[in-house]
Structure formats: C-alpha cells, structure tokens
C-alpha cells in the first residue's frame, strides 16, 4: 500500500496518522521518486511540536534517497530507475513523493543509500557552518556540542579535515570515546559539565573561535561564554528547549561576539548554493566523512525514531525504511 505519515495533532506529544497516499504524476519541472530510505532530523521534531508550521498535507521528512519512477515535463538530465538524494524539502515521510527536479542530486554509485539519506541535511549544514558562517582553517579552535551525535559527529570530522582543533561535549564516557574516535582533540563529559571553565582551561583563558550550539535552552548562554572576544556563535537548534531572550548587554563581557542564527532551509533554497553544497557533501562521504545510521526503523515507526533522537538515545543518525 502507498502511504504517508501526516502530522495529526501538533504539540509536545504530537502524533502522526497513516494515510493512503498517491502523489500523482509529476508536473512541470518535477520528478516522482520512490523512497529507498528517509532521514530523521530535529527539524522533524520541531514540525511535530508545532514550532515550525508545516504546510498541507503536513508530511514531515526533509531528506532521503529514492529511485526515479516518472519524469515530469521540461526535466532533462535524469533517467528512470536512477537513484537521487535530496534534502531541505518536506514531504519525505512517505513511500513515494514528488520532488522539484533541481532538488534531486544524482547519487554516486559508490555511496550507500542509508549513509546518503542520513547525511544530506547534516552535511549541508556542516558545509554552511564551517565554510560560510565561519570559514574554519587549521588555526581555528571550535566548540561542537553532542560531538558523538549525528550533526555533531559530522561537524567534528569535517572540521578536523579542515585542520581545526575541536573541543567536543558529550553526555557520557561512552560517547566521549566515540567523539575521540571521530577526531575530537578534547572532550568535555557530562550533561551538567561546566563548559565555560573547562574551555577556559583548554584555551588558556582565550576561548574558542567558533561555537556551534544546537542545544538551546539556558545552556546557550554557557556556549556564548565559551567564545573569545570577536569570536562567533552559531545557534542552530534547541534540543534542550526554546532559545532564551538575549540582550545585547549579555555579549559585552566578551566584546563584539558575532551571533548567527543560520537556517539550512533558507541556505538550501538557493539552487546554485544547494547543488554546490551537495557536491561537497558527496565528496566528504567518499572521503569517509559521513553519518553512519545508528538504527534503521520502519517508516511506520517514525514517531519512535523521533523520540529516540529527542532523548539522545544511541549515537549517529536514525533512518526510516519504507
């Protein structure tokens, strides 16, 4: 049966309803693909709780890999049966979907479909953060939270490939070992660890050049306090709760800190930037820098996969198999 998961009641315990789903024939500039694998991301959690509105028919899922079943009018450069990857396009929690052709990235034969489905959005996010928001180099010292997780683990690997020194944070000693295996130079362990004092000790009181915060909540202020004068903070999520109200005065102790709130969905809305970032991600995957799926769930268990992601269960990424 063809089906999709529709967001039924948004909220903290938002639910999905399985609906019969026929995407129909592709229109001008579209492809119809059948999913081989679908990625699971925190943005899907934000859709579920209603933080980000989801347009009708309210089907989450923003990345995946699929096989082209039909090619719409005006589309060239693709063939039936070809595998393509995509991201930043809601509608993925379904057995099949319509996709703007410019979003479809021809998947190299050497790249595993599950790794691609788990890596596209995180990979483009890493590219955006490390090469656009703050161009990282061999002289950079950066702070990466949840450095054994999906995005954090990829950021750690990518930053090390650029020559940076990486300070990671993790919740448990077991995850610390994973972060070190991924390349983290220093790892701060514990959900309630004193990041500020530990970063000061590791950087001789200077602070990091660039901190990436996907945690949010009250801990965002701790992240800001870890950054050197004239450094940069990027707030990219709120796994621990809503982003707090911040005053300009709070940045004064570190003087002229740059605060960024970048959006991968906005970044990836530019076709040229999107395709360029996609090629970068494929290149990194082929160099061994990727997000190996930690667990594959049936598509019908998307809610369980999201709950595991929200609760920090396991490491790496989670994917759905239709």
Protein backbone atom coordinates (compact mmCIF):
# COMPACT_ATOMS: atom_id res chain seq x y z
CA UNK A 1 0.00 0.00 0.00
CA UNK A 2 1.15 3.52 -0.79
CA UNK A 3 1.07 5.59 2.39
CA UNK A 4 2.37 8.68 4.12
CA UNK A 5 2.56 9.91 7.70
CA UNK A 6 0.51 13.06 8.20
CA UNK A 7 1.03 15.24 11.27
CA UNK A 8 -2.29 14.77 13.04
CA UNK A 9 -2.13 16.90 16.19
CA UNK A 10 0.94 19.16 16.58
CA UNK A 11 2.23 19.54 20.11
CA UNK A 12 4.76 18.22 22.61
CA UNK A 13 3.29 14.73 22.12
CA UNK A 14 2.27 15.32 18.53
CA UNK A 15 1.07 12.27 16.65
CA UNK A 16 1.22 11.03 13.08
CA UNK A 17 -1.65 9.48 11.19
CA UNK A 18 -1.02 6.91 8.47
CA UNK A 19 -2.91 7.93 5.34
CA UNK A 20 -3.28 6.41 1.90
CA UNK A 21 -1.02 8.42 -0.32
CA UNK A 22 -0.74 8.78 -4.06
CA UNK A 23 1.48 11.73 -5.04
CA UNK A 24 0.19 11.71 -8.60
CA UNK A 25 2.01 12.45 -11.82
CA UNK A 26 4.91 14.92 -11.73
CA UNK A 27 4.21 18.38 -13.07
CA UNK A 28 6.46 20.76 -14.93
CA UNK A 29 9.98 20.57 -13.51
CA UNK A 30 9.22 17.68 -11.15
CA UNK A 31 10.22 14.07 -10.57
CA UNK A 32 8.32 11.30 -8.83
CA UNK A 33 10.59 9.14 -6.70
CA UNK A 34 10.03 6.01 -4.63
CA UNK A 35 11.93 6.21 -1.37
CA UNK A 36 14.67 3.74 -0.58
CA UNK A 37 15.50 5.44 2.71
CA UNK A 38 14.43 8.58 4.58
CA UNK A 39 16.47 10.58 7.10
CA UNK A 40 15.24 11.69 10.54
CA UNK A 41 16.21 15.14 11.83
CA UNK A 42 15.50 17.52 14.68
CA UNK A 43 13.60 19.74 12.28
CA UNK A 44 11.04 16.92 12.04
CA UNK A 45 10.71 17.13 15.80
CA UNK A 46 10.18 20.89 15.50
CA UNK A 47 7.47 20.23 12.92
CA UNK A 48 5.86 17.72 15.29
CA UNK A 49 5.66 20.09 18.25
CA UNK A 50 4.42 22.94 16.05
CA UNK A 51 7.48 25.16 16.41
CA UNK A 52 7.74 25.37 12.62
CA UNK A 53 4.48 25.40 10.63
CA UNK A 54 4.12 22.56 8.14
CA UNK A 55 2.06 23.26 5.05
CA UNK A 56 -0.74 20.92 3.99
CA UNK A 57 -0.67 17.93 3.61
CA UNK A 58 1.60 18.21 6.69
CA UNK A 59 4.00 15.37 5.88
CA UNK A 60 7.38 15.80 7.66
CA UNK A 61 10.70 14.38 6.48
CA UNK A 62 13.19 16.67 4.75
CA UNK A 63 15.82 14.33 3.32
CA UNK A 64 16.07 10.97 1.66
CA UNK A 65 17.20 8.81 -1.21
CA UNK A 66 14.83 7.47 -3.83
CA UNK A 67 14.54 5.88 -7.25
CA UNK A 68 13.05 7.92 -10.09
CA UNK A 69 9.73 6.46 -11.23
CA UNK A 70 8.47 9.22 -13.51
CA UNK A 71 9.94 12.35 -15.07
CA UNK A 72 7.83 15.44 -15.49
CA UNK A 73 7.65 17.81 -18.48
CA UNK A 74 10.65 20.04 -19.03
CA UNK A 75 13.04 17.91 -16.95
CA UNK A 76 16.30 16.80 -18.50
CA UNK A 77 19.44 15.11 -17.22
CA UNK A 78 17.70 12.27 -15.36
CA UNK A 79 16.63 8.74 -16.26
CA UNK A 80 14.05 6.28 -14.99
CA UNK A 81 15.46 3.99 -12.31
CA UNK A 82 18.19 6.45 -11.35
CA UNK A 83 18.87 6.95 -7.64
CA UNK A 84 18.86 10.51 -6.34
CA UNK A 85 19.36 12.13 -2.95
CA UNK A 86 17.75 15.32 -1.69
CA UNK A 87 17.27 17.43 1.40
CA UNK A 88 15.54 20.57 2.74
CA UNK A 89 12.21 19.59 1.15
CA UNK A 90 9.38 18.46 3.49
CA UNK A 91 7.24 15.53 2.44
CA UNK A 92 9.67 12.68 2.98
CA UNK A 93 7.70 10.54 5.45
CA UNK A 94 6.01 8.73 2.59
CA UNK A 95 6.60 5.70 0.39
CA UNK A 96 6.87 7.98 -2.65
CA UNK A 97 6.78 11.69 -3.37
CA UNK A 98 7.02 14.45 -5.94
CA UNK A 99 10.27 16.39 -5.88
CA UNK A 100 11.38 19.54 -7.69
CA UNK A 101 13.97 18.29 -10.15
CA UNK A 102 16.52 20.90 -9.08
CA UNK A 103 16.47 19.32 -5.60
CA UNK A 104 17.44 15.90 -6.96
CA UNK A 105 21.16 15.14 -6.73
CA UNK A 106 22.35 12.15 -8.74
CA UNK A 107 23.71 9.70 -6.17
CA UNK A 108 27.16 8.32 -6.99
CA UNK A 109 27.14 4.51 -7.21
CA UNK A 110 29.83 4.27 -4.53
CA UNK A 111 27.67 5.92 -1.83
CA UNK A 112 25.40 3.74 0.30
CA UNK A 113 21.76 4.87 0.25
CA UNK A 114 21.38 4.80 4.04
CA UNK A 115 24.51 6.86 4.60
CA UNK A 116 23.35 9.38 1.99
CA UNK A 117 19.85 9.59 3.49
CA UNK A 118 21.34 10.24 6.92
CA UNK A 119 23.99 12.70 5.74
CA UNK A 120 22.48 15.13 3.25
CA UNK A 121 20.87 17.70 5.57
CA UNK A 122 23.55 17.38 8.24
CA UNK A 123 26.27 17.51 5.59
CA UNK A 124 24.89 20.66 4.00
CA UNK A 125 24.51 22.15 7.48
CA UNK A 126 28.17 21.37 8.23
CA UNK A 127 29.20 22.92 4.91
CA UNK A 128 27.15 26.04 5.65
CA UNK A 129 28.56 26.41 9.17
CA UNK A 130 32.22 25.59 8.57
CA UNK A 131 32.69 27.25 5.20
CA UNK A 132 30.15 30.09 5.12
CA UNK A 133 29.13 31.17 8.63
CA UNK A 134 32.70 30.88 9.93
CA UNK A 135 35.39 29.74 7.45
CA UNK A 136 37.29 27.19 9.53
CA UNK A 137 41.00 26.59 8.96
CA UNK A 138 43.98 24.93 10.59
CA UNK A 139 44.28 27.85 13.02
CA UNK A 140 40.67 27.57 14.26
CA UNK A 141 39.61 26.27 17.65
CA UNK A 142 35.94 25.32 17.65
CA UNK A 143 33.38 24.01 20.15
CA UNK A 144 30.97 21.31 18.97
CA UNK A 145 28.18 20.08 21.23
CA UNK A 146 26.92 16.48 21.08
CA UNK A 147 30.09 15.61 19.19
CA UNK A 148 29.25 11.91 19.12
CA UNK A 149 25.81 12.51 17.60
CA UNK A 150 24.59 12.92 14.05
CA UNK A 151 25.33 16.56 13.26
CA UNK A 152 27.96 16.92 15.99
CA UNK A 153 29.86 13.88 14.81
CA UNK A 154 29.84 15.09 11.22
CA UNK A 155 30.95 18.59 12.26
CA UNK A 156 33.80 17.07 14.25
CA UNK A 157 35.02 15.01 11.29
CA UNK A 158 34.63 17.84 8.77
CA UNK A 159 36.35 20.40 11.00
CA UNK A 160 39.26 18.03 11.54
CA UNK A 161 39.54 17.56 7.78
CA UNK A 162 39.93 21.35 7.56
CA UNK A 163 42.71 21.21 10.15
CA UNK A 164 40.84 22.74 13.11
CA UNK A 165 41.23 21.94 16.80
CA UNK A 166 37.90 20.55 18.04
CA UNK A 167 36.60 20.68 21.60
CA UNK A 168 33.57 18.42 21.87
CA UNK A 169 30.92 17.97 24.53
CA UNK A 170 29.08 14.70 25.23
CA UNK A 171 26.79 13.33 27.93
CA UNK A 172 28.54 10.06 28.81
CA UNK A 173 32.02 8.48 28.88
CA UNK A 174 30.86 6.02 26.21
CA UNK A 175 30.01 8.88 23.87
CA UNK A 176 33.31 10.56 24.75
CA UNK A 177 35.15 7.56 23.31
CA UNK A 178 33.13 7.87 20.10
CA UNK A 179 33.84 11.60 19.84
CA UNK A 180 37.56 10.97 20.20
CA UNK A 181 37.40 8.27 17.52
CA UNK A 182 35.75 10.85 15.24
CA UNK A 183 38.68 13.19 15.79
CA UNK A 184 37.79 15.45 18.72
CA UNK A 185 41.00 16.77 20.30
CA UNK A 186 39.39 17.40 23.70
CA UNK A 187 36.08 16.11 25.08
CA UNK A 188 34.07 17.61 27.94
CA UNK A 189 31.88 14.93 29.55
CA UNK A 190 28.57 15.32 31.39
CA UNK A 191 25.17 16.89 30.76
CA UNK A 192 25.79 19.39 33.54
CA UNK A 193 29.51 19.89 32.92
CA UNK A 194 30.97 23.37 33.43
CA UNK A 195 31.75 24.09 29.80
CA UNK A 196 32.96 27.61 30.50
CA UNK A 197 35.68 26.74 32.99
CA UNK A 198 36.80 23.69 31.03
CA UNK A 199 37.04 25.63 27.77
CA UNK A 200 38.94 28.40 29.54
CA UNK A 201 41.42 25.83 30.86
CA UNK A 202 41.83 24.19 27.45
CA UNK A 203 42.35 27.52 25.65
CA UNK A 204 44.45 29.22 28.35
CA UNK A 205 41.62 31.65 29.06
CA UNK A 206 41.20 32.78 25.45
CA UNK A 207 38.01 30.96 24.47
CA UNK A 208 37.14 29.27 21.20
CA UNK A 209 36.98 30.99 17.83
CA UNK A 210 33.67 29.43 16.84
CA UNK A 211 30.99 27.64 18.86
CA UNK A 212 28.09 25.74 17.32
CA UNK A 213 25.07 25.36 19.60
CA UNK A 214 22.22 23.02 18.77
CA UNK A 215 21.20 22.67 22.41
CA UNK A 216 19.50 25.97 23.13
CA UNK A 217 17.63 26.47 26.38
CA UNK A 218 19.56 28.02 29.23
CA UNK A 219 22.78 26.44 28.04
CA UNK A 220 23.04 28.79 25.08
CA UNK A 221 24.38 31.42 27.48
CA UNK A 222 27.12 28.99 28.55
CA UNK A 223 28.04 28.45 24.92
CA UNK A 224 28.32 32.21 24.37
CA UNK A 225 30.59 32.48 27.41
CA UNK A 226 32.97 29.94 25.84
CA UNK A 227 33.73 32.17 22.84
CA UNK A 228 36.69 34.54 22.62
CA UNK A 229 36.42 38.27 22.02
CA UNK A 230 35.49 38.85 18.37
CA UNK A 231 34.56 35.17 18.03
CA UNK A 232 31.39 33.68 16.54
CA UNK A 233 28.45 31.73 17.94
CA UNK A 234 26.03 29.88 15.67
CA UNK A 235 22.70 28.84 17.18
CA UNK A 236 21.28 26.03 15.07
CA UNK A 237 18.78 24.26 17.30
CA UNK A 238 17.08 23.93 20.65
CA UNK A 239 17.20 20.32 21.74
CA UNK A 240 17.09 21.42 25.41
CA UNK A 241 14.26 23.90 24.99
CA UNK A 242 13.37 27.26 23.45
CA UNK A 243 16.05 29.83 22.68
CA UNK A 244 16.09 32.34 25.56
CA UNK A 245 15.64 36.06 25.12
CA UNK A 246 19.10 37.62 24.94
CA UNK A 247 20.08 41.24 25.43
CA UNK A 248 22.96 42.96 23.68
CA UNK A 249 24.46 43.63 27.10
CA UNK A 250 24.99 39.90 27.63
CA UNK A 251 27.56 39.90 24.84
CA UNK A 252 29.56 42.75 26.37
CA UNK A 253 31.89 40.71 28.61
CA UNK A 254 33.40 39.03 25.53
CA UNK A 255 33.20 42.17 23.36
CA UNK A 256 31.95 42.11 19.80
CA UNK A 257 30.94 38.45 19.65
CA UNK A 258 29.21 37.66 16.37
CA UNK A 259 25.90 35.84 16.89
CA UNK A 260 24.45 33.90 13.96
CA UNK A 261 21.13 32.11 13.68
CA UNK A 262 21.61 30.44 10.28
CA UNK A 263 18.88 28.40 8.60
CA UNK A 264 19.84 25.44 6.45
CA UNK A 265 16.37 25.54 4.89
CA UNK A 266 17.00 29.11 3.71
CA UNK A 267 20.57 28.34 2.65
CA UNK A 268 19.42 25.34 0.62
CA UNK A 269 16.64 27.32 -1.08
CA UNK A 270 19.20 28.80 -3.47
CA UNK A 271 19.59 26.23 -6.29
CA UNK A 272 23.20 27.12 -7.03
CA UNK A 273 24.25 27.01 -3.37
CA UNK A 274 22.27 23.80 -2.88
CA UNK A 275 23.90 21.92 -5.73
CA UNK A 276 27.38 23.16 -4.80
CA UNK A 277 26.85 22.07 -1.19
CA UNK A 278 25.54 18.70 -2.36
CA UNK A 279 28.72 18.06 -4.34
CA UNK A 280 30.76 18.98 -1.25
CA UNK A 281 28.76 16.51 0.83
CA UNK A 282 29.21 13.71 -1.70
CA UNK A 283 32.93 14.44 -1.77
CA UNK A 284 33.18 14.26 2.01
CA UNK A 285 31.21 10.99 2.13
CA UNK A 286 33.56 9.47 -0.43
CA UNK A 287 36.47 10.53 1.79
CA UNK A 288 34.89 8.63 4.67
CA UNK A 289 33.35 11.64 6.43
CA UNK A 290 29.68 10.82 6.94
CA UNK A 291 26.92 9.99 9.40
CA UNK A 292 26.58 6.20 9.64
CA UNK A 293 22.99 5.32 10.57
CA UNK A 294 22.88 4.13 14.17
CA UNK A 295 19.50 2.46 13.67
CA UNK A 296 17.03 1.90 10.84
CA UNK A 297 13.31 1.96 11.72
CA UNK A 298 10.32 1.03 9.57
CA UNK A 299 8.69 4.16 8.18
CA UNK A 300 5.61 3.42 10.27
CA UNK A 301 7.77 3.88 13.42
CA UNK A 302 8.82 7.44 12.62
CA UNK A 303 7.42 8.69 15.95
CA UNK A 304 9.62 6.23 17.86
CA UNK A 305 12.66 7.28 15.83
CA UNK A 306 11.98 10.94 16.61
CA UNK A 307 11.53 10.23 20.32
CA UNK A 308 14.84 8.36 20.39
CA UNK A 309 16.52 11.32 18.68
CA UNK A 310 14.98 13.81 21.11
CA UNK A 311 16.01 11.72 24.13
CA UNK A 312 19.61 11.37 22.96
CA UNK A 313 19.35 7.60 22.65
CA UNK A 314 22.21 5.99 20.78
CA UNK A 315 24.71 7.82 18.61
CA UNK A 316 24.97 8.73 14.96
CA UNK A 317 21.78 9.10 12.92
CA UNK A 318 18.45 7.35 12.54
CA UNK A 319 16.77 6.49 9.24
CA UNK A 320 13.41 5.15 8.09
CA UNK A 321 12.86 2.33 5.62
CA UNK A 322 9.52 2.36 3.72
